[in-house]
């Protein structure tokens, strides 16, 4: 089943995000290589491709996992969680309708 993982950034967490990004991306690339990643990306804090020092307000990952518990466990092990980037992480079942 597919699950949406929504990370909500702590205020002023841009430095931690930058530092943890390579490890975060490596985990996403592993999901992609396993054919389980549907999409992933951050929410810019301002309306623009590159928010600069405004940073990001969070991230969205949609991927396939065996269960809600497996998706939560994967999300809990994210380097952004360990680095204090995320204040809160939501994991929800996701029904892909379009396209």
PDB file of N, CA and C in Angstrom:
ATOM      1  N   UNK A   1       0.850  -1.176   0.000  1.00  0.00           N
ATOM      2  CA  UNK A   1       0.000   0.000   0.000  1.00  0.00           C
ATOM      3  C   UNK A   1       0.892   1.234   0.000  1.00  0.00           C
ATOM      4  N   UNK A   2       0.350   2.322  -0.481  1.00  0.00           N
ATOM      5  CA  UNK A   2       1.085   3.585  -0.494  1.00  0.00           C
ATOM      6  C   UNK A   2       0.766   4.391   0.759  1.00  0.00           C
ATOM      7  N   UNK A   3       1.782   5.142   1.197  1.00  0.00           N
ATOM      8  CA  UNK A   3       1.648   5.974   2.396  1.00  0.00           C
ATOM      9  C   UNK A   3       2.264   7.339   2.126  1.00  0.00           C
ATOM     10  N   UNK A   4       1.630   8.369   2.680  1.00  0.00           N
ATOM     11  CA  UNK A   4       2.164   9.729   2.631  1.00  0.00           C
ATOM     12  C   UNK A   4       2.858  10.003   3.954  1.00  0.00           C
ATOM     13  N   UNK A   5       4.080  10.462   3.870  1.00  0.00           N
ATOM     14  CA  UNK A   5       4.853  10.855   5.037  1.00  0.00           C
ATOM     15  C   UNK A   5       5.034  12.360   4.933  1.00  0.00           C
ATOM     16  N   UNK A   6       4.496  13.082   5.910  1.00  0.00           N
ATOM     17  CA  UNK A   6       4.532  14.535   5.898  1.00  0.00           C
ATOM     18  C   UNK A   6       5.332  15.005   7.105  1.00  0.00           C
ATOM     19  N   UNK A   7       6.493  15.571   6.825  1.00  0.00           N
ATOM     20  CA  UNK A   7       7.335  16.108   7.889  1.00  0.00           C
ATOM     21  C   UNK A   7       7.127  17.597   7.998  1.00  0.00           C
ATOM     22  N   UNK A   8       6.936  18.072   9.225  1.00  0.00           N
ATOM     23  CA  UNK A   8       6.745  19.498   9.497  1.00  0.00           C
ATOM     24  C   UNK A   8       8.015  20.024  10.162  1.00  0.00           C
ATOM     25  N   UNK A   9       8.687  20.965   9.505  1.00  0.00           N
ATOM     26  CA  UNK A   9       9.965  21.461  10.011  1.00  0.00           C
ATOM     27  C   UNK A   9       9.813  22.291  11.277  1.00  0.00           C
ATOM     28  N   UNK A  10      10.815  22.180  12.144  1.00  0.00           N
ATOM     29  CA  UNK A  10      10.970  23.115  13.252  1.00  0.00           C
ATOM     30  C   UNK A  10      11.358  24.469  12.676  1.00  0.00           C
ATOM     31  N   UNK A  11      11.037  25.532  13.376  1.00  0.00           N
ATOM     32  CA  UNK A  11      11.493  26.853  12.973  1.00  0.00           C
ATOM     33  C   UNK A  11      13.018  26.877  13.018  1.00  0.00           C
ATOM     34  N   UNK A  12      13.612  27.596  12.116  1.00  0.00           N
ATOM     35  CA  UNK A  12      15.067  27.792  12.082  1.00  0.00           C
ATOM     36  C   UNK A  12      15.841  26.478  12.007  1.00  0.00           C
ATOM     37  N   UNK A  13      15.361  25.533  11.229  1.00  0.00           N
ATOM     38  CA  UNK A  13      16.039  24.233  11.110  1.00  0.00           C
ATOM     39  C   UNK A  13      16.802  24.072   9.794  1.00  0.00           C
ATOM     40  N   UNK A  14      16.997  25.177   9.067  1.00  0.00           N
ATOM     41  CA  UNK A  14      17.632  25.086   7.749  1.00  0.00           C
ATOM     42  C   UNK A  14      19.060  24.534   7.842  1.00  0.00           C
ATOM     43  N   UNK A  15      19.832  24.957   8.826  1.00  0.00           N
ATOM     44  CA  UNK A  15      21.211  24.457   8.954  1.00  0.00           C
ATOM     45  C   UNK A  15      21.224  22.952   9.205  1.00  0.00           C
ATOM     46  N   UNK A  16      20.335  22.456  10.067  1.00  0.00           N
ATOM     47  CA  UNK A  16      20.254  21.022  10.337  1.00  0.00           C
ATOM     48  C   UNK A  16      19.794  20.271   9.085  1.00  0.00           C
ATOM     49  N   UNK A  17      18.871  20.860   8.345  1.00  0.00           N
ATOM     50  CA  UNK A  17      18.372  20.244   7.111  1.00  0.00           C
ATOM     51  C   UNK A  17      19.516  20.086   6.119  1.00  0.00           C
ATOM     52  N   UNK A  18      20.294  21.137   5.948  1.00  0.00           N
ATOM     53  CA  UNK A  18      21.411  21.082   4.998  1.00  0.00           C
ATOM     54  C   UNK A  18      22.427  20.009   5.404  1.00  0.00           C
ATOM     55  N   UNK A  19      22.704  19.918   6.682  1.00  0.00           N
ATOM     56  CA  UNK A  19      23.695  18.947   7.153  1.00  0.00           C
ATOM     57  C   UNK A  19      23.220  17.504   6.986  1.00  0.00           C
ATOM     58  N   UNK A  20      21.939  17.250   7.248  1.00  0.00           N
ATOM     59  CA  UNK A  20      21.398  15.888   7.197  1.00  0.00           C
ATOM     60  C   UNK A  20      20.926  15.491   5.795  1.00  0.00           C
ATOM     61  N   UNK A  21      20.907  16.423   4.859  1.00  0.00           N
ATOM     62  CA  UNK A  21      20.338  16.168   3.532  1.00  0.00           C
ATOM     63  C   UNK A  21      20.981  14.995   2.797  1.00  0.00           C
ATOM     64  N   UNK A  22      22.307  14.854   2.756  1.00  0.00           N
ATOM     65  CA  UNK A  22      22.879  13.717   2.012  1.00  0.00           C
ATOM     66  C   UNK A  22      22.379  12.358   2.524  1.00  0.00           C
ATOM     67  N   UNK A  23      22.289  12.192   3.830  1.00  0.00           N
ATOM     68  CA  UNK A  23      21.807  10.919   4.388  1.00  0.00           C
ATOM     69  C   UNK A  23      20.318  10.742   4.108  1.00  0.00           C
ATOM     70  N   UNK A  24      19.557  11.819   4.179  1.00  0.00           N
ATOM     71  CA  UNK A  24      18.119  11.784   3.878  1.00  0.00           C
ATOM     72  C   UNK A  24      17.906  11.358   2.424  1.00  0.00           C
ATOM     73  N   UNK A  25      18.662  11.974   1.508  1.00  0.00           N
ATOM     74  CA  UNK A  25      18.520  11.639   0.087  1.00  0.00           C
ATOM     75  C   UNK A  25      18.945  10.206  -0.205  1.00  0.00           C
ATOM     76  N   UNK A  26      19.958   9.718   0.490  1.00  0.00           N
ATOM     77  CA  UNK A  26      20.404   8.338   0.280  1.00  0.00           C
ATOM     78  C   UNK A  26      19.282   7.355   0.588  1.00  0.00           C
ATOM     79  N   UNK A  27      18.522   7.621   1.642  1.00  0.00           N
ATOM     80  CA  UNK A  27      17.403   6.722   1.975  1.00  0.00           C
ATOM     81  C   UNK A  27      16.309   6.794   0.912  1.00  0.00           C
ATOM     82  N   UNK A  28      16.049   7.996   0.402  1.00  0.00           N
ATOM     83  CA  UNK A  28      15.046   8.145  -0.658  1.00  0.00           C
ATOM     84  C   UNK A  28      15.507   7.450  -1.936  1.00  0.00           C
ATOM     85  N   UNK A  29      16.791   7.563  -2.244  1.00  0.00           N
ATOM     86  CA  UNK A  29      17.318   6.895  -3.431  1.00  0.00           C
ATOM     87  C   UNK A  29      17.214   5.385  -3.302  1.00  0.00           C
ATOM     88  N   UNK A  30      17.386   4.857  -2.102  1.00  0.00           N
ATOM     89  CA  UNK A  30      17.227   3.412  -1.886  1.00  0.00           C
ATOM     90  C   UNK A  30      15.780   2.989  -2.129  1.00  0.00           C
ATOM     91  N   UNK A  31      14.821   3.797  -1.664  1.00  0.00           N
ATOM     92  CA  UNK A  31      13.402   3.508  -1.949  1.00  0.00           C
ATOM     93  C   UNK A  31      13.146   3.541  -3.450  1.00  0.00           C
ATOM     94  N   UNK A  32      13.705   4.550  -4.108  1.00  0.00           N
ATOM     95  CA  UNK A  32      13.546   4.667  -5.565  1.00  0.00           C
ATOM     96  C   UNK A  32      14.125   3.451  -6.268  1.00  0.00           C
ATOM     97  N   UNK A  33      15.324   3.050  -5.868  1.00  0.00           N
ATOM     98  CA  UNK A  33      15.984   1.909  -6.505  1.00  0.00           C
ATOM     99  C   UNK A  33      15.211   0.609  -6.293  1.00  0.00           C
ATOM    100  N   UNK A  34      14.460   0.522  -5.188  1.00  0.00           N
ATOM    101  CA  UNK A  34      13.603  -0.633  -4.919  1.00  0.00           C
ATOM    102  C   UNK A  34      12.259  -0.542  -5.643  1.00  0.00           C
ATOM    103  N   UNK A  35      12.032   0.566  -6.372  1.00  0.00           N
ATOM    104  CA  UNK A  35      10.775   0.759  -7.091  1.00  0.00           C
ATOM    105  C   UNK A  35       9.610   1.125  -6.196  1.00  0.00           C
ATOM    106  N   UNK A  36       9.887   1.648  -5.007  1.00  0.00           N
ATOM    107  CA  UNK A  36       8.822   1.938  -4.043  1.00  0.00           C
ATOM    108  C   UNK A  36       8.528   3.422  -3.866  1.00  0.00           C
ATOM    109  N   UNK A  37       9.381   4.305  -4.367  1.00  0.00           N
ATOM    110  CA  UNK A  37       9.190   5.741  -4.201  1.00  0.00           C
ATOM    111  C   UNK A  37       8.300   6.286  -5.306  1.00  0.00           C
ATOM    112  N   UNK A  38       7.230   6.955  -4.923  1.00  0.00           N
ATOM    113  CA  UNK A  38       6.315   7.569  -5.889  1.00  0.00           C
ATOM    114  C   UNK A  38       6.729   9.009  -6.144  1.00  0.00           C
ATOM    115  N   UNK A  39       6.940   9.773  -5.074  1.00  0.00           N
ATOM    116  CA  UNK A  39       7.405  11.148  -5.182  1.00  0.00           C
ATOM    117  C   UNK A  39       7.949  11.601  -3.841  1.00  0.00           C
ATOM    118  N   UNK A  40       8.792  12.627  -3.890  1.00  0.00           N
ATOM    119  CA  UNK A  40       9.350  13.185  -2.663  1.00  0.00           C
ATOM    120  C   UNK A  40       9.834  14.597  -2.940  1.00  0.00           C
ATOM    121  N   UNK A  41       9.691  15.453  -1.960  1.00  0.00           N
ATOM    122  CA  UNK A  41      10.209  16.811  -2.099  1.00  0.00           C
ATOM    123  C   UNK A  41       9.828  17.673  -0.916  1.00  0.00           C
ATOM    124  N   UNK A  42      10.512  18.818  -0.800  1.00  0.00           N
ATOM    125  CA  UNK A  42      10.254  19.731   0.304  1.00  0.00           C
ATOM    126  C   UNK A  42       9.186  20.770  -0.049  1.00  0.00           C
ATOM    127  N   UNK A  43       8.670  21.408   0.997  1.00  0.00           N
ATOM    128  CA  UNK A  43       7.748  22.540   0.860  1.00  0.00           C
ATOM    129  C   UNK A  43       8.556  23.817   1.091  1.00  0.00           C
ATOM    130  N   UNK A  44       8.833  24.615   0.052  1.00  0.00           N
ATOM    131  CA  UNK A  44       9.529  25.873   0.284  1.00  0.00           C
ATOM    132  C   UNK A  44       8.710  26.769   1.221  1.00  0.00           C
ATOM    133  N   UNK A  45       9.411  27.499   2.080  1.00  0.00           N
ATOM    134  CA  UNK A  45       8.730  28.367   3.049  1.00  0.00           C
ATOM    135  C   UNK A  45       8.133  29.604   2.381  1.00  0.00           C
ATOM    136  N   UNK A  46       8.614  29.909   1.169  1.00  0.00           N
ATOM    137  CA  UNK A  46       8.064  31.022   0.393  1.00  0.00           C
ATOM    138  C   UNK A  46       7.707  30.505  -0.988  1.00  0.00           C
ATOM    139  N   UNK A  47       6.971  31.304  -1.740  1.00  0.00           N
ATOM    140  CA  UNK A  47       6.544  30.913  -3.076  1.00  0.00           C
ATOM    141  C   UNK A  47       7.684  31.089  -4.066  1.00  0.00           C
ATOM    142  N   UNK A  48       8.439  30.029  -4.268  1.00  0.00           N
ATOM    143  CA  UNK A  48       9.540  30.095  -5.215  1.00  0.00           C
ATOM    144  C   UNK A  48      10.290  28.780  -5.229  1.00  0.00           C
ATOM    145  N   UNK A  49      10.968  28.506  -6.354  1.00  0.00           N
ATOM    146  CA  UNK A  49      11.743  27.269  -6.509  1.00  0.00           C
ATOM    147  C   UNK A  49      12.854  27.174  -5.481  1.00  0.00           C
ATOM    148  N   UNK A  50      13.584  28.271  -5.295  1.00  0.00           N
ATOM    149  CA  UNK A  50      14.700  28.298  -4.352  1.00  0.00           C
ATOM    150  C   UNK A  50      14.380  29.305  -3.256  1.00  0.00           C
ATOM    151  N   UNK A  51      14.002  28.827  -2.080  1.00  0.00           N
ATOM    152  CA  UNK A  51      13.603  29.753  -1.020  1.00  0.00           C
ATOM    153  C   UNK A  51      14.776  30.424  -0.311  1.00  0.00           C
ATOM    154  N   UNK A  52      16.002  30.054  -0.679  1.00  0.00           N
ATOM    155  CA  UNK A  52      17.172  30.654  -0.051  1.00  0.00           C
ATOM    156  C   UNK A  52      17.144  30.478   1.455  1.00  0.00           C
ATOM    157  N   UNK A  53      17.462  31.532   2.166  1.00  0.00           N
ATOM    158  CA  UNK A  53      17.541  31.467   3.622  1.00  0.00           C
ATOM    159  C   UNK A  53      16.170  31.358   4.291  1.00  0.00           C
ATOM    160  N   UNK A  54      15.076  31.535   3.527  1.00  0.00           N
ATOM    161  CA  UNK A  54      13.731  31.334   4.096  1.00  0.00           C
ATOM    162  C   UNK A  54      13.535  29.865   4.435  1.00  0.00           C
ATOM    163  N   UNK A  55      14.246  29.001   3.705  1.00  0.00           N
ATOM    164  CA  UNK A  55      14.210  27.572   4.006  1.00  0.00           C
ATOM    165  C   UNK A  55      12.926  26.881   3.596  1.00  0.00           C
ATOM    166  N   UNK A  56      12.578  25.884   4.374  1.00  0.00           N
ATOM    167  CA  UNK A  56      11.463  25.007   4.044  1.00  0.00           C
ATOM    168  C   UNK A  56      10.554  24.845   5.255  1.00  0.00           C
ATOM    169  N   UNK A  57       9.300  24.533   4.988  1.00  0.00           N
ATOM    170  CA  UNK A  57       8.338  24.319   6.082  1.00  0.00           C
ATOM    171  C   UNK A  57       8.095  22.836   6.341  1.00  0.00           C
ATOM    172  N   UNK A  58       8.620  21.981   5.470  1.00  0.00           N
ATOM    173  CA  UNK A  58       8.427  20.546   5.657  1.00  0.00           C
ATOM    174  C   UNK A  58       8.709  19.786   4.380  1.00  0.00           C
ATOM    175  N   UNK A  59       8.289  18.528   4.375  1.00  0.00           N
ATOM    176  CA  UNK A  59       8.540  17.644   3.235  1.00  0.00           C
ATOM    177  C   UNK A  59       7.382  16.676   3.052  1.00  0.00           C
ATOM    178  N   UNK A  60       7.263  16.169   1.825  1.00  0.00           N
ATOM    179  CA  UNK A  60       6.277  15.140   1.502  1.00  0.00           C
ATOM    180  C   UNK A  60       6.981  13.988   0.814  1.00  0.00           C
ATOM    181  N   UNK A  61       6.695  12.789   1.283  1.00  0.00           N
ATOM    182  CA  UNK A  61       7.182  11.567   0.647  1.00  0.00           C
ATOM    183  C   UNK A  61       5.975  10.663   0.452  1.00  0.00           C
ATOM    184  N   UNK A  62       5.808  10.142  -0.739  1.00  0.00           N
ATOM    185  CA  UNK A  62       4.784   9.132  -0.995  1.00  0.00           C
ATOM    186  C   UNK A  62       5.516   7.905  -1.497  1.00  0.00           C
ATOM    187  N   UNK A  63       5.331   6.794  -0.778  1.00  0.00           N
ATOM    188  CA  UNK A  63       6.057   5.570  -1.114  1.00  0.00           C
ATOM    189  C   UNK A  63       5.245   4.346  -0.717  1.00  0.00           C
ATOM    190  N   UNK A  64       5.659   3.208  -1.236  1.00  0.00           N
ATOM    191  CA  UNK A  64       4.999   1.941  -0.924  1.00  0.00           C
ATOM    192  C   UNK A  64       5.713   1.255   0.239  1.00  0.00           C
ATOM    193  N   UNK A  65       4.912   0.779   1.199  1.00  0.00           N
ATOM    194  CA  UNK A  65       5.398   0.016   2.344  1.00  0.00           C
ATOM    195  C   UNK A  65       4.442  -1.144   2.581  1.00  0.00           C
ATOM    196  N   UNK A  66       4.916  -2.145   3.310  1.00  0.00           N
ATOM    197  CA  UNK A  66       4.094  -3.323   3.585  1.00  0.00           C
ATOM    198  C   UNK A  66       2.932  -3.021   4.520  1.00  0.00           C
ATOM    199  N   UNK A  67       3.114  -2.008   5.385  1.00  0.00           N
ATOM    200  CA  UNK A  67       2.073  -1.695   6.367  1.00  0.00           C
ATOM    201  C   UNK A  67       2.278  -0.282   6.882  1.00  0.00           C
ATOM    202  N   UNK A  68       1.268   0.218   7.579  1.00  0.00           N
ATOM    203  CA  UNK A  68       1.375   1.525   8.220  1.00  0.00           C
ATOM    204  C   UNK A  68       2.513   1.516   9.233  1.00  0.00           C
ATOM    205  N   UNK A  69       2.653   0.429   9.956  1.00  0.00           N
ATOM    206  CA  UNK A  69       3.724   0.329  10.947  1.00  0.00           C
ATOM    207  C   UNK A  69       5.097   0.395  10.279  1.00  0.00           C
ATOM    208  N   UNK A  70       5.252  -0.254   9.138  1.00  0.00           N
ATOM    209  CA  UNK A  70       6.525  -0.218   8.409  1.00  0.00           C
ATOM    210  C   UNK A  70       6.819   1.192   7.904  1.00  0.00           C
ATOM    211  N   UNK A  71       5.787   1.885   7.429  1.00  0.00           N
ATOM    212  CA  UNK A  71       5.966   3.264   6.969  1.00  0.00           C
ATOM    213  C   UNK A  71       6.353   4.173   8.133  1.00  0.00           C
ATOM    214  N   UNK A  72       5.707   3.987   9.275  1.00  0.00           N
ATOM    215  CA  UNK A  72       6.055   4.796  10.459  1.00  0.00           C
ATOM    216  C   UNK A  72       7.479   4.521  10.916  1.00  0.00           C
ATOM    217  N   UNK A  73       7.873   3.269  10.935  1.00  0.00           N
ATOM    218  CA  UNK A  73       9.230   2.910  11.347  1.00  0.00           C
ATOM    219  C   UNK A  73      10.257   3.536  10.405  1.00  0.00           C
ATOM    220  N   UNK A  74       9.984   3.498   9.109  1.00  0.00           N
ATOM    221  CA  UNK A  74      10.888   4.104   8.143  1.00  0.00           C
ATOM    222  C   UNK A  74      10.976   5.611   8.384  1.00  0.00           C
ATOM    223  N   UNK A  75       9.827   6.251   8.586  1.00  0.00           N
ATOM    224  CA  UNK A  75       9.800   7.701   8.829  1.00  0.00           C
ATOM    225  C   UNK A  75      10.526   8.061  10.118  1.00  0.00           C
ATOM    226  N   UNK A  76      10.345   7.271  11.151  1.00  0.00           N
ATOM    227  CA  UNK A  76      10.999   7.551  12.441  1.00  0.00           C
ATOM    228  C   UNK A  76      12.514   7.460  12.346  1.00  0.00           C
ATOM    229  N   UNK A  77      13.034   6.683  11.399  1.00  0.00           N
ATOM    230  CA  UNK A  77      14.473   6.504  11.244  1.00  0.00           C
ATOM    231  C   UNK A  77      15.097   7.520  10.282  1.00  0.00           C
ATOM    232  N   UNK A  78      14.314   8.475   9.815  1.00  0.00           N
ATOM    233  CA  UNK A  78      14.828   9.461   8.864  1.00  0.00           C
ATOM    234  C   UNK A  78      15.894  10.344   9.515  1.00  0.00           C
ATOM    235  N   UNK A  79      16.982  10.625   8.808  1.00  0.00           N
ATOM    236  CA  UNK A  79      18.013  11.508   9.349  1.00  0.00           C
ATOM    237  C   UNK A  79      17.499  12.899   9.724  1.00  0.00           C
ATOM    238  N   UNK A  80      16.452  13.369   9.069  1.00  0.00           N
ATOM    239  CA  UNK A  80      15.887  14.669   9.443  1.00  0.00           C
ATOM    240  C   UNK A  80      15.258  14.613  10.836  1.00  0.00           C
ATOM    241  N   UNK A  81      14.719  13.483  11.219  1.00  0.00           N
ATOM    242  CA  UNK A  81      14.173  13.318  12.575  1.00  0.00           C
ATOM    243  C   UNK A  81      15.324  13.364  13.578  1.00  0.00           C
ATOM    244  N   UNK A  82      16.373  12.587  13.320  1.00  0.00           N
ATOM    245  CA  UNK A  82      17.518  12.533  14.234  1.00  0.00           C
ATOM    246  C   UNK A  82      18.204  13.883  14.367  1.00  0.00           C
ATOM    247  N   UNK A  83      18.221  14.671  13.282  1.00  0.00           N
ATOM    248  CA  UNK A  83      18.896  15.965  13.291  1.00  0.00           C
ATOM    249  C   UNK A  83      18.046  17.082  13.877  1.00  0.00           C
ATOM    250  N   UNK A  84      16.780  16.791  14.186  1.00  0.00           N
ATOM    251  CA  UNK A  84      15.902  17.822  14.743  1.00  0.00           C
ATOM    252  C   UNK A  84      15.291  18.748  13.716  1.00  0.00           C
ATOM    253  N   UNK A  85      15.315  18.336  12.451  1.00  0.00           N
ATOM    254  CA  UNK A  85      14.688  19.146  11.400  1.00  0.00           C
ATOM    255  C   UNK A  85      13.173  19.145  11.572  1.00  0.00           C
ATOM    256  N   UNK A  86      12.611  17.966  11.776  1.00  0.00           N
ATOM    257  CA  UNK A  86      11.160  17.844  11.872  1.00  0.00           C
ATOM    258  C   UNK A  86      10.672  18.020  13.310  1.00  0.00           C
ATOM    259  N   UNK A  87       9.650  18.856  13.448  1.00  0.00           N
ATOM    260  CA  UNK A  87       8.964  19.015  14.738  1.00  0.00           C
ATOM    261  C   UNK A  87       7.932  17.916  14.906  1.00  0.00           C
ATOM    262  N   UNK A  88       7.382  17.473  13.755  1.00  0.00           N
ATOM    263  CA  UNK A  88       6.303  16.488  13.770  1.00  0.00           C
ATOM    264  C   UNK A  88       6.323  15.752  12.436  1.00  0.00           C
ATOM    265  N   UNK A  89       5.996  14.467  12.482  1.00  0.00           N
ATOM    266  CA  UNK A  89       5.897  13.669  11.257  1.00  0.00           C
ATOM    267  C   UNK A  89       4.573  12.932  11.267  1.00  0.00           C
ATOM    268  N   UNK A  90       3.802  13.101  10.200  1.00  0.00           N
ATOM    269  CA  UNK A  90       2.541  12.383  10.034  1.00  0.00           C
ATOM    270  C   UNK A  90       2.754  11.281   8.995  1.00  0.00           C
ATOM    271  N   UNK A  91       2.152  10.136   9.227  1.00  0.00           N
ATOM    272  CA  UNK A  91       2.184   9.038   8.265  1.00  0.00           C
ATOM    273  C   UNK A  91       0.734   8.598   8.065  1.00  0.00           C
ATOM    274  N   UNK A  92       0.294   8.647   6.801  1.00  0.00           N
ATOM    275  CA  UNK A  92      -1.104   8.339   6.493  1.00  0.00           C
ATOM    276  C   UNK A  92      -1.184   7.415   5.285  1.00  0.00           C
ATOM    277  N   UNK A  93      -2.131   6.484   5.297  1.00  0.00           N
ATOM    278  CA  UNK A  93      -2.380   5.709   4.081  1.00  0.00           C
ATOM    279  C   UNK A  93      -2.745   6.671   2.945  1.00  0.00           C
ATOM    280  N   UNK A  94      -2.326   6.335   1.733  1.00  0.00           N
ATOM    281  CA  UNK A  94      -2.534   7.209   0.582  1.00  0.00           C
ATOM    282  C   UNK A  94      -3.108   6.405  -0.563  1.00  0.00           C
ATOM    283  N   UNK A  95      -4.240   6.846  -1.080  1.00  0.00           N
ATOM    284  CA  UNK A  95      -4.849   6.183  -2.229  1.00  0.00           C
ATOM    285  C   UNK A  95      -4.561   7.014  -3.467  1.00  0.00           C
ATOM    286  N   UNK A  96      -3.733   6.480  -4.320  1.00  0.00           N
ATOM    287  CA  UNK A  96      -3.338   7.160  -5.552  1.00  0.00           C
ATOM    288  C   UNK A  96      -4.456   7.009  -6.582  1.00  0.00           C
ATOM    289  N   UNK A  97      -5.029   8.130  -7.004  1.00  0.00           N
ATOM    290  CA  UNK A  97      -6.137   8.099  -7.959  1.00  0.00           C
ATOM    291  C   UNK A  97      -5.694   8.564  -9.339  1.00  0.00           C
ATOM    292  N   UNK A  98      -5.041   9.707  -9.426  1.00  0.00           N
ATOM    293  CA  UNK A  98      -4.600  10.268 -10.705  1.00  0.00           C
ATOM    294  C   UNK A  98      -3.165  10.751 -10.596  1.00  0.00           C
ATOM    295  N   UNK A  99      -2.418  10.870 -11.633  1.00  0.00           N
ATOM    296  CA  UNK A  99      -2.636  10.219 -12.902  1.00  0.00           C
ATOM    297  C   UNK A  99      -2.355   8.738 -12.779  1.00  0.00           C
TER     298      UNK A  99
END
